[in-house]
Amino acid sequence: MTTKDATAGGDGSTTGDRDLDCSTYLEAGIEGLVVKALAAGWNEDEISNALLGLVQDRISEARDNAILDFGPKPGATRH
């Protein structure tokens, strides 16, 4: 996969598929992190496991926040 300039349309979308466009946008940054980690002495498996763990933590935190945010906001009235 090649990295595209994701600036078309002003919202970062180049294909109309926001998930694909976001992946493409992030790919160069992740590749940069991998290159730096390899240069620092980490191997591919260690890097991949670390990235996976960080992403899993982010997903878990987002889910926890979504659950905590579920329901009416304080002070809101029900209809």
PDB file of N, CA and C in Angstrom:
ATOM      1  N   MET A   1       0.848  -1.181   0.000  1.00  0.00           N
ATOM      2  CA  MET A   1       0.000   0.000   0.000  1.00  0.00           C
ATOM      3  C   MET A   1       0.884   1.232   0.000  1.00  0.00           C
ATOM      4  N   THR A   2       0.534   2.195  -0.772  1.00  0.00           N
ATOM      5  CA  THR A   2       1.312   3.425  -0.821  1.00  0.00           C
ATOM      6  C   THR A   2       0.603   4.503  -0.024  1.00  0.00           C
ATOM      7  N   THR A   3       1.359   5.445   0.440  1.00  0.00           N
ATOM      8  CA  THR A   3       0.796   6.553   1.194  1.00  0.00           C
ATOM      9  C   THR A   3       0.361   7.636   0.229  1.00  0.00           C
ATOM     10  N   LYS A   4      -0.876   8.086   0.404  1.00  0.00           N
ATOM     11  CA  LYS A   4      -1.426   9.144  -0.439  1.00  0.00           C
ATOM     12  C   LYS A   4      -1.489  10.441   0.350  1.00  0.00           C
ATOM     13  N   ASP A   5      -1.526  11.526  -0.369  1.00  0.00           N
ATOM     14  CA  ASP A   5      -1.755  12.816   0.275  1.00  0.00           C
ATOM     15  C   ASP A   5      -3.253  12.915   0.533  1.00  0.00           C
ATOM     16  N   ALA A   6      -3.635  12.840   1.791  1.00  0.00           N
ATOM     17  CA  ALA A   6      -5.055  12.783   2.142  1.00  0.00           C
ATOM     18  C   ALA A   6      -5.596  14.167   2.460  1.00  0.00           C
ATOM     19  N   THR A   7      -5.492  15.085   1.517  1.00  0.00           N
ATOM     20  CA  THR A   7      -5.987  16.425   1.769  1.00  0.00           C
ATOM     21  C   THR A   7      -7.145  16.797   0.863  1.00  0.00           C
ATOM     22  N   ALA A   8      -7.510  15.956  -0.069  1.00  0.00           N
ATOM     23  CA  ALA A   8      -8.594  16.286  -0.989  1.00  0.00           C
ATOM     24  C   ALA A   8      -9.900  16.442  -0.224  1.00  0.00           C
ATOM     25  N   GLY A   9     -10.686  17.394  -0.617  1.00  0.00           N
ATOM     26  CA  GLY A   9     -11.997  17.572  -0.011  1.00  0.00           C
ATOM     27  C   GLY A   9     -11.974  18.275   1.332  1.00  0.00           C
ATOM     28  N   GLY A  10     -10.823  18.560   1.883  1.00  0.00           N
ATOM     29  CA  GLY A  10     -10.738  19.294   3.137  1.00  0.00           C
ATOM     30  C   GLY A  10     -10.981  18.469   4.378  1.00  0.00           C
ATOM     31  N   ASP A  11     -11.506  17.226   4.241  1.00  0.00           N
ATOM     32  CA  ASP A  11     -11.777  16.399   5.410  1.00  0.00           C
ATOM     33  C   ASP A  11     -10.844  15.199   5.492  1.00  0.00           C
ATOM     34  N   GLY A  12      -9.829  15.142   4.635  1.00  0.00           N
ATOM     35  CA  GLY A  12      -8.901  14.035   4.651  1.00  0.00           C
ATOM     36  C   GLY A  12      -9.340  12.864   3.802  1.00  0.00           C
ATOM     37  N   SER A  13     -10.535  12.912   3.258  1.00  0.00           N
ATOM     38  CA  SER A  13     -11.055  11.809   2.469  1.00  0.00           C
ATOM     39  C   SER A  13     -10.631  11.943   1.011  1.00  0.00           C
ATOM     40  N   THR A  14     -10.060  10.877   0.471  1.00  0.00           N
ATOM     41  CA  THR A  14      -9.680  10.885  -0.936  1.00  0.00           C
ATOM     42  C   THR A  14     -10.481   9.875  -1.738  1.00  0.00           C
ATOM     43  N   THR A  15     -10.943   8.807  -1.088  1.00  0.00           N
ATOM     44  CA  THR A  15     -11.683   7.756  -1.798  1.00  0.00           C
ATOM     45  C   THR A  15     -13.165   7.763  -1.468  1.00  0.00           C
ATOM     46  N   GLY A  16     -13.544   8.479  -0.426  1.00  0.00           N
ATOM     47  CA  GLY A  16     -14.920   8.427   0.042  1.00  0.00           C
ATOM     48  C   GLY A  16     -15.108   7.371   1.117  1.00  0.00           C
ATOM     49  N   ASP A  17     -14.130   6.485   1.297  1.00  0.00           N
ATOM     50  CA  ASP A  17     -14.157   5.469   2.354  1.00  0.00           C
ATOM     51  C   ASP A  17     -13.282   5.993   3.494  1.00  0.00           C
ATOM     52  N   ARG A  18     -13.905   6.566   4.503  1.00  0.00           N
ATOM     53  CA  ARG A  18     -13.153   7.241   5.562  1.00  0.00           C
ATOM     54  C   ARG A  18     -12.246   6.289   6.332  1.00  0.00           C
ATOM     55  N   ASP A  19     -12.668   5.040   6.545  1.00  0.00           N
ATOM     56  CA  ASP A  19     -11.808   4.085   7.238  1.00  0.00           C
ATOM     57  C   ASP A  19     -10.539   3.809   6.427  1.00  0.00           C
ATOM     58  N   LEU A  20     -10.696   3.568   5.138  1.00  0.00           N
ATOM     59  CA  LEU A  20      -9.545   3.326   4.267  1.00  0.00           C
ATOM     60  C   LEU A  20      -8.655   4.556   4.195  1.00  0.00           C
ATOM     61  N   ASP A  21      -9.253   5.720   4.043  1.00  0.00           N
ATOM     62  CA  ASP A  21      -8.474   6.952   3.959  1.00  0.00           C
ATOM     63  C   ASP A  21      -7.720   7.226   5.258  1.00  0.00           C
ATOM     64  N   CYS A  22      -8.338   6.955   6.382  1.00  0.00           N
ATOM     65  CA  CYS A  22      -7.671   7.155   7.667  1.00  0.00           C
ATOM     66  C   CYS A  22      -6.498   6.189   7.798  1.00  0.00           C
ATOM     67  N   SER A  23      -6.696   4.940   7.410  1.00  0.00           N
ATOM     68  CA  SER A  23      -5.604   3.958   7.448  1.00  0.00           C
ATOM     69  C   SER A  23      -4.434   4.403   6.589  1.00  0.00           C
ATOM     70  N   THR A  24      -4.741   4.881   5.408  1.00  0.00           N
ATOM     71  CA  THR A  24      -3.698   5.352   4.496  1.00  0.00           C
ATOM     72  C   THR A  24      -2.967   6.542   5.106  1.00  0.00           C
ATOM     73  N   TYR A  25      -3.716   7.451   5.703  1.00  0.00           N
ATOM     74  CA  TYR A  25      -3.130   8.641   6.330  1.00  0.00           C
ATOM     75  C   TYR A  25      -2.187   8.256   7.468  1.00  0.00           C
ATOM     76  N   LEU A  26      -2.594   7.293   8.298  1.00  0.00           N
ATOM     77  CA  LEU A  26      -1.811   6.899   9.461  1.00  0.00           C
ATOM     78  C   LEU A  26      -0.622   6.015   9.107  1.00  0.00           C
ATOM     79  N   GLU A  27      -0.684   5.365   7.970  1.00  0.00           N
ATOM     80  CA  GLU A  27       0.342   4.387   7.596  1.00  0.00           C
ATOM     81  C   GLU A  27       1.759   4.964   7.611  1.00  0.00           C
ATOM     82  N   ALA A  28       1.949   6.131   7.061  1.00  0.00           N
ATOM     83  CA  ALA A  28       3.287   6.726   7.013  1.00  0.00           C
ATOM     84  C   ALA A  28       3.818   6.991   8.427  1.00  0.00           C
ATOM     85  N   GLY A  29       2.957   7.454   9.305  1.00  0.00           N
ATOM     86  CA  GLY A  29       3.380   7.703  10.679  1.00  0.00           C
ATOM     87  C   GLY A  29       3.760   6.425  11.400  1.00  0.00           C
ATOM     88  N   ILE A  30       2.994   5.386  11.185  1.00  0.00           N
ATOM     89  CA  ILE A  30       3.310   4.098  11.814  1.00  0.00           C
ATOM     90  C   ILE A  30       4.617   3.559  11.261  1.00  0.00           C
ATOM     91  N   GLU A  31       4.801   3.667   9.954  1.00  0.00           N
ATOM     92  CA  GLU A  31       6.059   3.202   9.350  1.00  0.00           C
ATOM     93  C   GLU A  31       7.239   3.966   9.949  1.00  0.00           C
ATOM     94  N   GLY A  32       7.061   5.256  10.177  1.00  0.00           N
ATOM     95  CA  GLY A  32       8.113   6.051  10.806  1.00  0.00           C
ATOM     96  C   GLY A  32       8.428   5.567  12.214  1.00  0.00           C
ATOM     97  N   LEU A  33       7.386   5.226  12.985  1.00  0.00           N
ATOM     98  CA  LEU A  33       7.592   4.685  14.327  1.00  0.00           C
ATOM     99  C   LEU A  33       8.346   3.367  14.284  1.00  0.00           C
ATOM    100  N   VAL A  34       7.982   2.512  13.342  1.00  0.00           N
ATOM    101  CA  VAL A  34       8.639   1.211  13.211  1.00  0.00           C
ATOM    102  C   VAL A  34      10.113   1.398  12.870  1.00  0.00           C
ATOM    103  N   VAL A  35      10.413   2.279  11.943  1.00  0.00           N
ATOM    104  CA  VAL A  35      11.805   2.539  11.561  1.00  0.00           C
ATOM    105  C   VAL A  35      12.601   3.029  12.775  1.00  0.00           C
ATOM    106  N   LYS A  36      12.035   3.950  13.544  1.00  0.00           N
ATOM    107  CA  LYS A  36      12.724   4.466  14.739  1.00  0.00           C
ATOM    108  C   LYS A  36      12.930   3.358  15.781  1.00  0.00           C
ATOM    109  N   ALA A  37      11.908   2.529  15.977  1.00  0.00           N
ATOM    110  CA  ALA A  37      12.019   1.447  16.961  1.00  0.00           C
ATOM    111  C   ALA A  37      13.051   0.409  16.523  1.00  0.00           C
ATOM    112  N   LEU A  38      13.094   0.097  15.232  1.00  0.00           N
ATOM    113  CA  LEU A  38      14.115  -0.829  14.725  1.00  0.00           C
ATOM    114  C   LEU A  38      15.505  -0.257  14.958  1.00  0.00           C
ATOM    115  N   ALA A  39      15.671   1.035  14.695  1.00  0.00           N
ATOM    116  CA  ALA A  39      16.965   1.693  14.890  1.00  0.00           C
ATOM    117  C   ALA A  39      17.366   1.701  16.367  1.00  0.00           C
ATOM    118  N   ALA A  40      16.362   1.688  17.257  1.00  0.00           N
ATOM    119  CA  ALA A  40      16.637   1.685  18.692  1.00  0.00           C
ATOM    120  C   ALA A  40      16.923   0.278  19.218  1.00  0.00           C
ATOM    121  N   GLY A  41      16.796  -0.733  18.334  1.00  0.00           N
ATOM    122  CA  GLY A  41      17.152  -2.090  18.737  1.00  0.00           C
ATOM    123  C   GLY A  41      15.999  -3.050  18.970  1.00  0.00           C
ATOM    124  N   TRP A  42      14.773  -2.588  18.831  1.00  0.00           N
ATOM    125  CA  TRP A  42      13.628  -3.480  18.991  1.00  0.00           C
ATOM    126  C   TRP A  42      13.473  -4.310  17.724  1.00  0.00           C
ATOM    127  N   ASN A  43      12.919  -5.536  17.846  1.00  0.00           N
ATOM    128  CA  ASN A  43      12.690  -6.337  16.647  1.00  0.00           C
ATOM    129  C   ASN A  43      11.230  -6.198  16.202  1.00  0.00           C
ATOM    130  N   GLU A  44      10.948  -6.724  15.019  1.00  0.00           N
ATOM    131  CA  GLU A  44       9.604  -6.572  14.416  1.00  0.00           C
ATOM    132  C   GLU A  44       8.501  -7.109  15.323  1.00  0.00           C
ATOM    133  N   ASP A  45       8.718  -8.286  15.934  1.00  0.00           N
ATOM    134  CA  ASP A  45       7.692  -8.856  16.810  1.00  0.00           C
ATOM    135  C   ASP A  45       7.431  -7.968  18.024  1.00  0.00           C
ATOM    136  N   GLU A  46       8.487  -7.456  18.629  1.00  0.00           N
ATOM    137  CA  GLU A  46       8.325  -6.584  19.790  1.00  0.00           C
ATOM    138  C   GLU A  46       7.579  -5.310  19.415  1.00  0.00           C
ATOM    139  N   ILE A  47       7.917  -4.763  18.282  1.00  0.00           N
ATOM    140  CA  ILE A  47       7.267  -3.538  17.814  1.00  0.00           C
ATOM    141  C   ILE A  47       5.795  -3.795  17.528  1.00  0.00           C
ATOM    142  N   SER A  48       5.518  -4.872  16.810  1.00  0.00           N
ATOM    143  CA  SER A  48       4.129  -5.195  16.475  1.00  0.00           C
ATOM    144  C   SER A  48       3.297  -5.450  17.723  1.00  0.00           C
ATOM    145  N   ASN A  49       3.865  -6.187  18.685  1.00  0.00           N
ATOM    146  CA  ASN A  49       3.145  -6.459  19.933  1.00  0.00           C
ATOM    147  C   ASN A  49       2.886  -5.178  20.714  1.00  0.00           C
ATOM    148  N   ALA A  50       3.871  -4.281  20.736  1.00  0.00           N
ATOM    149  CA  ALA A  50       3.694  -3.010  21.439  1.00  0.00           C
ATOM    150  C   ALA A  50       2.614  -2.167  20.776  1.00  0.00           C
ATOM    151  N   LEU A  51       2.644  -2.081  19.451  1.00  0.00           N
ATOM    152  CA  LEU A  51       1.618  -1.310  18.729  1.00  0.00           C
ATOM    153  C   LEU A  51       0.237  -1.903  18.949  1.00  0.00           C
ATOM    154  N   LEU A  52       0.137  -3.232  18.872  1.00  0.00           N
ATOM    155  CA  LEU A  52      -1.149  -3.893  19.094  1.00  0.00           C
ATOM    156  C   LEU A  52      -1.669  -3.609  20.496  1.00  0.00           C
ATOM    157  N   GLY A  53      -0.796  -3.697  21.484  1.00  0.00           N
ATOM    158  CA  GLY A  53      -1.208  -3.418  22.860  1.00  0.00           C
ATOM    159  C   GLY A  53      -1.692  -1.989  23.038  1.00  0.00           C
ATOM    160  N   LEU A  54      -0.991  -1.045  22.429  1.00  0.00           N
ATOM    161  CA  LEU A  54      -1.400   0.357  22.520  1.00  0.00           C
ATOM    162  C   LEU A  54      -2.758   0.579  21.872  1.00  0.00           C
ATOM    163  N   VAL A  55      -2.984  -0.041  20.729  1.00  0.00           N
ATOM    164  CA  VAL A  55      -4.268   0.103  20.041  1.00  0.00           C
ATOM    165  C   VAL A  55      -5.377  -0.552  20.851  1.00  0.00           C
ATOM    166  N   GLN A  56      -5.109  -1.723  21.417  1.00  0.00           N
ATOM    167  CA  GLN A  56      -6.119  -2.390  22.250  1.00  0.00           C
ATOM    168  C   GLN A  56      -6.469  -1.539  23.462  1.00  0.00           C
ATOM    169  N   ASP A  57      -5.473  -0.922  24.073  1.00  0.00           N
ATOM    170  CA  ASP A  57      -5.735  -0.027  25.210  1.00  0.00           C
ATOM    171  C   ASP A  57      -6.607   1.147  24.780  1.00  0.00           C
ATOM    172  N   ARG A  58      -6.327   1.691  23.611  1.00  0.00           N
ATOM    173  CA  ARG A  58      -7.099   2.829  23.101  1.00  0.00           C
ATOM    174  C   ARG A  58      -8.554   2.437  22.849  1.00  0.00           C
ATOM    175  N   ILE A  59      -8.757   1.257  22.271  1.00  0.00           N
ATOM    176  CA  ILE A  59     -10.111   0.763  22.015  1.00  0.00           C
ATOM    177  C   ILE A  59     -10.846   0.547  23.335  1.00  0.00           C
ATOM    178  N   SER A  60     -10.172  -0.060  24.293  1.00  0.00           N
ATOM    179  CA  SER A  60     -10.778  -0.319  25.596  1.00  0.00           C
ATOM    180  C   SER A  60     -11.187   0.978  26.278  1.00  0.00           C
ATOM    181  N   GLU A  61     -10.306   1.961  26.231  1.00  0.00           N
ATOM    182  CA  GLU A  61     -10.604   3.255  26.839  1.00  0.00           C
ATOM    183  C   GLU A  61     -11.787   3.937  26.143  1.00  0.00           C
ATOM    184  N   ALA A  62     -11.824   3.860  24.825  1.00  0.00           N
ATOM    185  CA  ALA A  62     -12.933   4.462  24.075  1.00  0.00           C
ATOM    186  C   ALA A  62     -14.251   3.780  24.426  1.00  0.00           C
ATOM    187  N   ARG A  63     -14.230   2.459  24.563  1.00  0.00           N
ATOM    188  CA  ARG A  63     -15.452   1.730  24.948  1.00  0.00           C
ATOM    189  C   ARG A  63     -15.879   2.102  26.351  1.00  0.00           C
ATOM    190  N   ASP A  64     -14.923   2.178  27.271  1.00  0.00           N
ATOM    191  CA  ASP A  64     -15.252   2.571  28.644  1.00  0.00           C
ATOM    192  C   ASP A  64     -15.870   3.959  28.673  1.00  0.00           C
ATOM    193  N   ASN A  65     -15.307   4.881  27.912  1.00  0.00           N
ATOM    194  CA  ASN A  65     -15.840   6.243  27.863  1.00  0.00           C
ATOM    195  C   ASN A  65     -17.228   6.253  27.242  1.00  0.00           C
ATOM    196  N   ALA A  66     -17.455   5.430  26.233  1.00  0.00           N
ATOM    197  CA  ALA A  66     -18.768   5.375  25.594  1.00  0.00           C
ATOM    198  C   ALA A  66     -19.812   4.845  26.572  1.00  0.00           C
ATOM    199  N   ILE A  67     -19.430   3.858  27.370  1.00  0.00           N
ATOM    200  CA  ILE A  67     -20.370   3.305  28.352  1.00  0.00           C
ATOM    201  C   ILE A  67     -20.667   4.342  29.424  1.00  0.00           C
ATOM    202  N   LEU A  68     -19.647   5.047  29.883  1.00  0.00           N
ATOM    203  CA  LEU A  68     -19.853   6.071  30.906  1.00  0.00           C
ATOM    204  C   LEU A  68     -20.675   7.234  30.385  1.00  0.00           C
ATOM    205  N   ASP A  69     -20.577   7.505  29.083  1.00  0.00           N
ATOM    206  CA  ASP A  69     -21.313   8.615  28.480  1.00  0.00           C
ATOM    207  C   ASP A  69     -22.727   8.228  28.070  1.00  0.00           C
ATOM    208  N   PHE A  70     -23.095   6.956  28.245  1.00  0.00           N
ATOM    209  CA  PHE A  70     -24.419   6.499  27.836  1.00  0.00           C
ATOM    210  C   PHE A  70     -25.473   7.064  28.778  1.00  0.00           C
ATOM    211  N   GLY A  71     -26.581   7.454  28.200  1.00  0.00           N
ATOM    212  CA  GLY A  71     -27.687   7.970  28.995  1.00  0.00           C
ATOM    213  C   GLY A  71     -27.742   9.482  28.954  1.00  0.00           C
ATOM    214  N   PRO A  72     -28.762  10.032  29.610  1.00  0.00           N
ATOM    215  CA  PRO A  72     -28.934  11.482  29.586  1.00  0.00           C
ATOM    216  C   PRO A  72     -27.811  12.200  30.314  1.00  0.00           C
ATOM    217  N   LYS A  73     -27.488  13.349  29.840  1.00  0.00           N
ATOM    218  CA  LYS A  73     -26.467  14.188  30.476  1.00  0.00           C
ATOM    219  C   LYS A  73     -27.040  14.753  31.772  1.00  0.00           C
ATOM    220  N   PRO A  74     -26.171  15.032  32.747  1.00  0.00           N
ATOM    221  CA  PRO A  74     -26.662  15.622  34.004  1.00  0.00           C
ATOM    222  C   PRO A  74     -27.438  16.912  33.717  1.00  0.00           C
ATOM    223  N   GLY A  75     -28.595  17.018  34.334  1.00  0.00           N
ATOM    224  CA  GLY A  75     -29.417  18.203  34.168  1.00  0.00           C
ATOM    225  C   GLY A  75     -30.365  18.134  32.985  1.00  0.00           C
ATOM    226  N   ALA A  76     -30.207  17.083  32.158  1.00  0.00           N
ATOM    227  CA  ALA A  76     -31.083  16.940  30.993  1.00  0.00           C
ATOM    228  C   ALA A  76     -32.447  16.424  31.454  1.00  0.00           C
ATOM    229  N   THR A  77     -33.486  16.832  30.761  1.00  0.00           N
ATOM    230  CA  THR A  77     -34.823  16.342  31.087  1.00  0.00           C
ATOM    231  C   THR A  77     -35.221  15.261  30.094  1.00  0.00           C
ATOM    232  N   ARG A  78     -36.024  14.322  30.570  1.00  0.00           N
ATOM    233  CA  ARG A  78     -36.529  13.253  29.696  1.00  0.00           C
ATOM    234  C   ARG A  78     -37.827  13.702  29.063  1.00  0.00           C
ATOM    235  N   HIS A  79     -38.057  13.224  27.866  1.00  0.00           N
ATOM    236  CA  HIS A  79     -39.309  13.535  27.181  1.00  0.00           C
ATOM    237  C   HIS A  79     -40.237  12.372  27.235  1.00  0.00           C
TER     238      HIS A  79
END
